[in-house]
Every structure is written in C-alpha cells, then in structure tokens.
C-alpha cells in the first residue's frame, strides 16, 4: 500500500515539476545565449551553475543587460530561421 501512495504522490508532483522545468529551461537558455554573445564569462558560469527557477535569469536579462521582450523574441526568431 505504501508503494501505491508513493507512486501517486510522484505522479502528482510531475504535473507541478514539468511546467517549472520548462519555465526554468526557457529562461536559462535565453540568459546563457545572451551572456555568451556579450562575452560575459562570469555571468555565464553563474547562470549555468545556480538554479533559481528562472529568477536570476530574468533579472540578468531585463535588469543587467537591459534587454526587452522584443529582444528575446528576436533571439527565438533567429534560432528558428537558422534551423531551416
């Protein structure tokens, strides 16, 4: 019975963890891309190692580098067009 309860809990946690994981990976990818393009090695390493569920990445993108949402959309557009 305990195994069934543990499986139930883990399956319920998956629905919470999956959106957080996708959110975090999106912002981490954008922040690492920007840090590498700006040749900011220290920021790149900090962003790579520290996991803050996207908070540090958002702070870096919008407050440290002063990017706007249009800049993020441009990065995503460049990525899509270069893959085709």
Foldseek 3Di string as FASTA:
>chain_A
DVVVVVVVVVVVVCVVVVVLVVQQVLLLVLQLVVCVVVVPVVSNVCSVPDRDSNPVSVCCQCPVVVDDVVVSVVVVVVVVVVVD
